C-alpha atoms as a PDB file:
ATOM      1  CA  MET A   1       6.662   7.885  33.152  1.00  0.00           C
ATOM      2  CA  LYS A   2       6.808   4.330  33.764  1.00  0.00           C
ATOM      3  CA  SER A   3       5.655   2.248  30.735  1.00  0.00           C
ATOM      4  CA  LYS A   4       2.578   0.100  30.732  1.00  0.00           C
ATOM      5  CA  LYS A   5       2.399  -3.538  29.250  1.00  0.00           C
ATOM      6  CA  SER A   6       0.973  -2.934  26.150  1.00  0.00           C
ATOM      7  CA  ASN A   7      -1.509  -5.424  24.760  1.00  0.00           C
ATOM      8  CA  LEU A   8      -0.236  -4.819  20.743  1.00  0.00           C
ATOM      9  CA  LYS A   9      -0.084  -7.599  18.922  1.00  0.00           C
ATOM     10  CA  ARG A  10       0.870  -7.127  15.356  1.00  0.00           C
ATOM     11  CA  MET A  11      -0.154  -4.227  12.857  1.00  0.00           C
ATOM     12  CA  ASP A  12      -2.928  -6.239  11.260  1.00  0.00           C
ATOM     13  CA  ASN A  13      -2.884  -4.183   7.628  1.00  0.00           C
ATOM     14  CA  VAL A  14      -2.509  -0.740   5.711  1.00  0.00           C
ATOM     15  CA  GLY A  15      -5.655   0.004   3.884  1.00  0.00           C
ATOM     16  CA  ILE A  16      -6.084   2.058   0.564  1.00  0.00           C
ATOM     17  CA  VAL A  17      -9.025   3.588  -1.341  1.00  0.00           C
ATOM     18  CA  VAL A  18      -8.851   2.843  -5.277  1.00  0.00           C
ATOM     19  CA  GLU A  19     -10.815   3.423  -8.214  1.00  0.00           C
ATOM     20  CA  SER A  20     -10.101  -0.421 -10.200  1.00  0.00           C
ATOM     21  CA  LEU A  21      -8.743  -3.299  -7.975  1.00  0.00           C
ATOM     22  CA  ASP A  22      -8.685  -4.912 -11.545  1.00  0.00           C
ATOM     23  CA  LYS A  23      -5.268  -2.146 -12.585  1.00  0.00           C
ATOM     24  CA  VAL A  24      -3.848  -2.121  -8.964  1.00  0.00           C
ATOM     25  CA  VAL A  25      -4.567  -5.813  -7.914  1.00  0.00           C
ATOM     26  CA  PRO A  26      -1.989  -6.303 -10.719  1.00  0.00           C
ATOM     27  CA  PHE A  27       0.269  -3.587 -10.001  1.00  0.00           C
ATOM     28  CA  PHE A  28       1.068  -6.066  -6.250  1.00  0.00           C
ATOM     29  CA  THR A  29       1.304  -8.598  -7.608  1.00  0.00           C
ATOM     30  CA  GLU A  30       3.900  -7.651  -9.614  1.00  0.00           C
ATOM     31  CA  LEU A  31       5.849  -6.044  -6.683  1.00  0.00           C
ATOM     32  CA  GLY A  32       5.594  -9.568  -4.921  1.00  0.00           C
ATOM     33  CA  LEU A  33       1.975  -9.531  -3.303  1.00  0.00           C
ATOM     34  CA  GLN A  34      -0.322 -12.340  -3.388  1.00  0.00           C
ATOM     35  CA  LEU A  35      -3.704 -12.046  -3.620  1.00  0.00           C
ATOM     36  CA  GLU A  36      -5.224 -13.166  -0.184  1.00  0.00           C
ATOM     37  CA  GLY A  37      -9.106 -12.924  -1.303  1.00  0.00           C
ATOM     38  CA  ARG A  38     -10.992 -10.784  -2.569  1.00  0.00           C
ATOM     39  CA  ALA A  39     -15.093 -10.064  -1.308  1.00  0.00           C
ATOM     40  CA  MET A  40     -17.699  -7.772  -1.313  1.00  0.00           C
ATOM     41  CA  VAL A  41     -18.601  -5.808   2.471  1.00  0.00           C
ATOM     42  CA  GLU A  42     -21.296  -4.577   2.638  1.00  0.00           C
ATOM     43  CA  GLY A  43     -24.438  -3.575   4.764  1.00  0.00           C
ATOM     44  CA  GLU A  44     -25.062  -1.788   8.270  1.00  0.00           C
ATOM     45  CA  TRP A  45     -22.648  -3.827  10.013  1.00  0.00           C
ATOM     46  CA  ALA A  46     -19.715  -2.661   8.378  1.00  0.00           C
ATOM     47  CA  GLY A  47     -20.909   0.928   8.114  1.00  0.00           C
ATOM     48  CA  ARG A  48     -20.885   0.668  12.411  1.00  0.00           C
ATOM     49  CA  VAL A  49     -17.182   0.286  12.146  1.00  0.00           C
ATOM     50  CA  THR A  50     -16.332   2.803   9.718  1.00  0.00           C
ATOM     51  CA  GLY A  51     -18.750   5.747  10.440  1.00  0.00           C
ATOM     52  CA  LEU A  52     -20.204   5.774   6.993  1.00  0.00           C
ATOM     53  CA  GLY A  53     -23.775   3.953   6.943  1.00  0.00           C
ATOM     54  CA  ASP A  54     -25.403   1.517   4.635  1.00  0.00           C
ATOM     55  CA  GLN A  55     -21.987   1.178   2.696  1.00  0.00           C
ATOM     56  CA  ARG A  56     -20.702  -1.475   0.206  1.00  0.00           C
ATOM     57  CA  VAL A  57     -17.612  -1.703  -0.705  1.00  0.00           C
ATOM     58  CA  GLU A  58     -15.406  -4.306  -2.660  1.00  0.00           C
ATOM     59  CA  ILE A  59     -11.928  -5.448  -0.737  1.00  0.00           C
ATOM     60  CA  ALA A  60      -8.836  -7.178  -2.451  1.00  0.00           C
ATOM     61  CA  MET A  61      -6.417  -8.157   0.148  1.00  0.00           C
ATOM     62  CA  MET A  62      -2.547  -9.135  -0.561  1.00  0.00           C
ATOM     63  CA  VAL A  63      -0.484 -10.409   1.315  1.00  0.00           C
ATOM     64  CA  THR A  64       3.167 -10.546   1.833  1.00  0.00           C
ATOM     65  CA  PRO A  65       5.698 -13.129   0.770  1.00  0.00           C
ATOM     66  CA  ASP A  66       6.575 -13.756   4.609  1.00  0.00           C
ATOM     67  CA  GLY A  67       2.832 -14.145   5.120  1.00  0.00           C
ATOM     68  CA  GLN A  68       3.138 -11.124   8.410  1.00  0.00           C
ATOM     69  CA  SER A  69       2.181  -7.791   6.387  1.00  0.00           C
ATOM     70  CA  ARG A  70      -1.362  -7.534   4.362  1.00  0.00           C
ATOM     71  CA  LEU A  71      -2.318  -4.462   2.255  1.00  0.00           C
ATOM     72  CA  GLU A  72      -6.600  -4.267   2.085  1.00  0.00           C
ATOM     73  CA  LEU A  73      -7.511  -2.418  -1.141  1.00  0.00           C
ATOM     74  CA  SER A  74     -10.884  -1.183  -0.731  1.00  0.00           C
ATOM     75  CA  ARG A  75     -13.614  -0.219  -4.206  1.00  0.00           C
ATOM     76  CA  TYR A  76     -15.924   2.227  -2.631  1.00  0.00           C
ATOM     77  CA  LEU A  77     -19.237   1.480  -4.529  1.00  0.00           C
ATOM     78  CA  THR A  78     -21.710   3.023  -1.531  1.00  0.00           C
ATOM     79  CA  PRO A  79     -21.259   5.540  -0.153  1.00  0.00           C
ATOM     80  CA  PRO A  80     -19.384   7.380  -3.037  1.00  0.00           C
ATOM     81  CA  VAL A  81     -15.571   8.305  -2.332  1.00  0.00           C
ATOM     82  CA  VAL A  82     -15.512  12.119  -1.437  1.00  0.00           C
ATOM     83  CA  ALA A  83     -12.608  13.377  -1.342  1.00  0.00           C
ATOM     84  CA  ASP A  84      -8.628  12.621  -3.769  1.00  0.00           C
ATOM     85  CA  HIS A  85      -5.740  13.172  -1.784  1.00  0.00           C
ATOM     86  CA  ARG A  86      -3.660  11.277  -4.947  1.00  0.00           C
ATOM     87  CA  ASN A  87      -1.552  13.841  -6.027  1.00  0.00           C
ATOM     88  CA  ALA A  88      -0.416  15.207  -2.549  1.00  0.00           C
ATOM     89  CA  PRO A  89       3.084  15.938  -2.722  1.00  0.00           C
ATOM     90  CA  VAL A  90       5.203  13.694   0.104  1.00  0.00           C
ATOM     91  CA  ASN A  91       5.629  16.650   2.006  1.00  0.00           C
ATOM     92  CA  ALA A  92       1.387  16.556   2.977  1.00  0.00           C
ATOM     93  CA  LEU A  93      -0.330  15.812   6.220  1.00  0.00           C
ATOM     94  CA  GLY A  94      -1.791  12.124   6.967  1.00  0.00           C
ATOM     95  CA  TYR A  95      -1.401   8.350   5.609  1.00  0.00           C
ATOM     96  CA  LEU A  96       1.833   8.978   2.969  1.00  0.00           C
ATOM     97  CA  ARG A  97       3.144   5.852   1.574  1.00  0.00           C
ATOM     98  CA  THR A  98       3.929   2.110   2.459  1.00  0.00           C
ATOM     99  CA  MET A  99       7.892   0.738   1.910  1.00  0.00           C
ATOM    100  CA  PHE A 100       9.010  -2.434   0.758  1.00  0.00           C
ATOM    101  CA  THR A 101      11.811  -3.779   1.056  1.00  0.00           C
ATOM    102  CA  VAL A 102      12.678  -5.834  -1.999  1.00  0.00           C
ATOM    103  CA  GLU A 103      15.938  -8.047  -3.243  1.00  0.00           C
ATOM    104  CA  ASP A 104      16.953  -6.370  -6.530  1.00  0.00           C
ATOM    105  CA  LEU A 105      15.960  -2.383  -7.119  1.00  0.00           C
ATOM    106  CA  ASP A 106      16.458  -1.572  -9.741  1.00  0.00           C
ATOM    107  CA  ASP A 107      14.642  -4.923 -11.371  1.00  0.00           C
ATOM    108  CA  THR A 108      11.370  -3.913  -9.383  1.00  0.00           C
ATOM    109  CA  VAL A 109      11.713   0.034 -10.870  1.00  0.00           C
ATOM    110  CA  SER A 110      11.811  -1.418 -14.163  1.00  0.00           C
ATOM    111  CA  ARG A 111       8.841  -4.411 -13.975  1.00  0.00           C
ATOM    112  CA  LEU A 112       6.764  -1.895 -11.997  1.00  0.00           C
ATOM    113  CA  GLN A 113       6.979   0.767 -14.777  1.00  0.00           C
ATOM    114  CA  GLU A 114       5.611  -1.757 -17.012  1.00  0.00           C
ATOM    115  CA  TYR A 115       2.512  -1.628 -14.759  1.00  0.00           C
ATOM    116  CA  GLY A 116       2.528   1.899 -15.502  1.00  0.00           C
ATOM    117  CA  ALA A 117       5.328   3.306 -12.605  1.00  0.00           C
ATOM    118  CA  GLU A 118       6.700   6.630 -12.298  1.00  0.00           C
ATOM    119  CA  LEU A 119       9.909   7.441 -10.189  1.00  0.00           C
ATOM    120  CA  VAL A 120       8.926  10.307  -8.046  1.00  0.00           C
ATOM    121  CA  GLY A 121      12.596  11.981  -7.810  1.00  0.00           C
ATOM    122  CA  GLU A 122      15.459   8.926  -8.342  1.00  0.00           C
ATOM    123  CA  ILE A 123      16.615   5.924  -6.727  1.00  0.00           C
ATOM    124  CA  VAL A 124      19.488   7.353  -4.007  1.00  0.00           C
ATOM    125  CA  GLN A 125      21.856   5.277  -2.035  1.00  0.00           C
ATOM    126  CA  TYR A 126      21.968   6.080   1.636  1.00  0.00           C
ATOM    127  CA  GLU A 127      25.365   5.607   3.656  1.00  0.00           C
ATOM    128  CA  ASP A 128      26.476   1.533   2.634  1.00  0.00           C
ATOM    129  CA  SER A 129      22.531   0.837   4.405  1.00  0.00           C
ATOM    130  CA  TYR A 130      19.980   0.723   1.492  1.00  0.00           C
ATOM    131  CA  ARG A 131      19.565   1.991  -1.661  1.00  0.00           C
ATOM    132  CA  LEU A 132      15.839   3.935  -1.563  1.00  0.00           C
ATOM    133  CA  CYS A 133      13.704   5.398  -3.952  1.00  0.00           C
ATOM    134  CA  TYR A 134       9.107   6.398  -4.124  1.00  0.00           C
ATOM    135  CA  ILE A 135       6.997   5.551  -7.135  1.00  0.00           C
ATOM    136  CA  ARG A 136       3.967   6.645  -7.773  1.00  0.00           C
ATOM    137  CA  GLY A 137       1.931   3.328  -9.673  1.00  0.00           C
ATOM    138  CA  PRO A 138      -1.531   3.080 -10.836  1.00  0.00           C
ATOM    139  CA  GLU A 139      -4.072   5.783  -9.507  1.00  0.00           C
ATOM    140  CA  GLN A 140      -0.868   7.615  -8.400  1.00  0.00           C
ATOM    141  CA  ILE A 141      -0.791   5.238  -5.399  1.00  0.00           C
ATOM    142  CA  LEU A 142       2.210   6.259  -3.856  1.00  0.00           C
ATOM    143  CA  ILE A 143       4.956   3.619  -2.512  1.00  0.00           C
ATOM    144  CA  GLY A 144       8.913   3.537  -1.344  1.00  0.00           C
ATOM    145  CA  LEU A 145      10.826   0.778  -2.311  1.00  0.00           C
ATOM    146  CA  ALA A 146      14.177  -0.410  -0.446  1.00  0.00           C
ATOM    147  CA  GLU A 147      16.741  -2.684  -0.948  1.00  0.00           C
ATOM    148  CA  GLU A 148      19.250  -3.422   1.651  1.00  0.00           C
ATOM    149  CA  LEU A 149      22.758  -3.342   0.493  1.00  0.00           C
ATOM    150  CA  ASN A 150      25.499  -6.162   1.797  1.00  0.00           C
ATOM    151  CA  ARG A 151      27.424  -4.939   4.402  1.00  0.00           C
ATOM    152  CA  LYS A 152      31.233  -5.550   4.357  1.00  0.00           C
END
């Protein structure tokens, strides 16, 4: 099958629905993301995009240090949240996690533990390429962390 030229320009952001922006924003700030802005998104126009009808959502947009990727944290005021997938195991269907590359995995995990993060399993090394782990942060948000190893 001959592939057609894609119109895709970039991945703009990943969205995570949370109960408290005040608990989650500091966690991602400690990880190294910067708060780009915080705003209320509401009204019929927004509901036409999401299919939820009239909605009121507080969002915080976090940006990675390179300015290329964003994480949109959303707190729904109306309509109310209808499901909670935060305690799903890592092999559950649907959204799983977002992976971040860090300079020093041990230091990052240690700092994030001060914000309530817990290792899901353990820190492991994949060949001579990466050290990796999954952690659960505030509100049981699952993220992956990877440290690239120097190749000799």
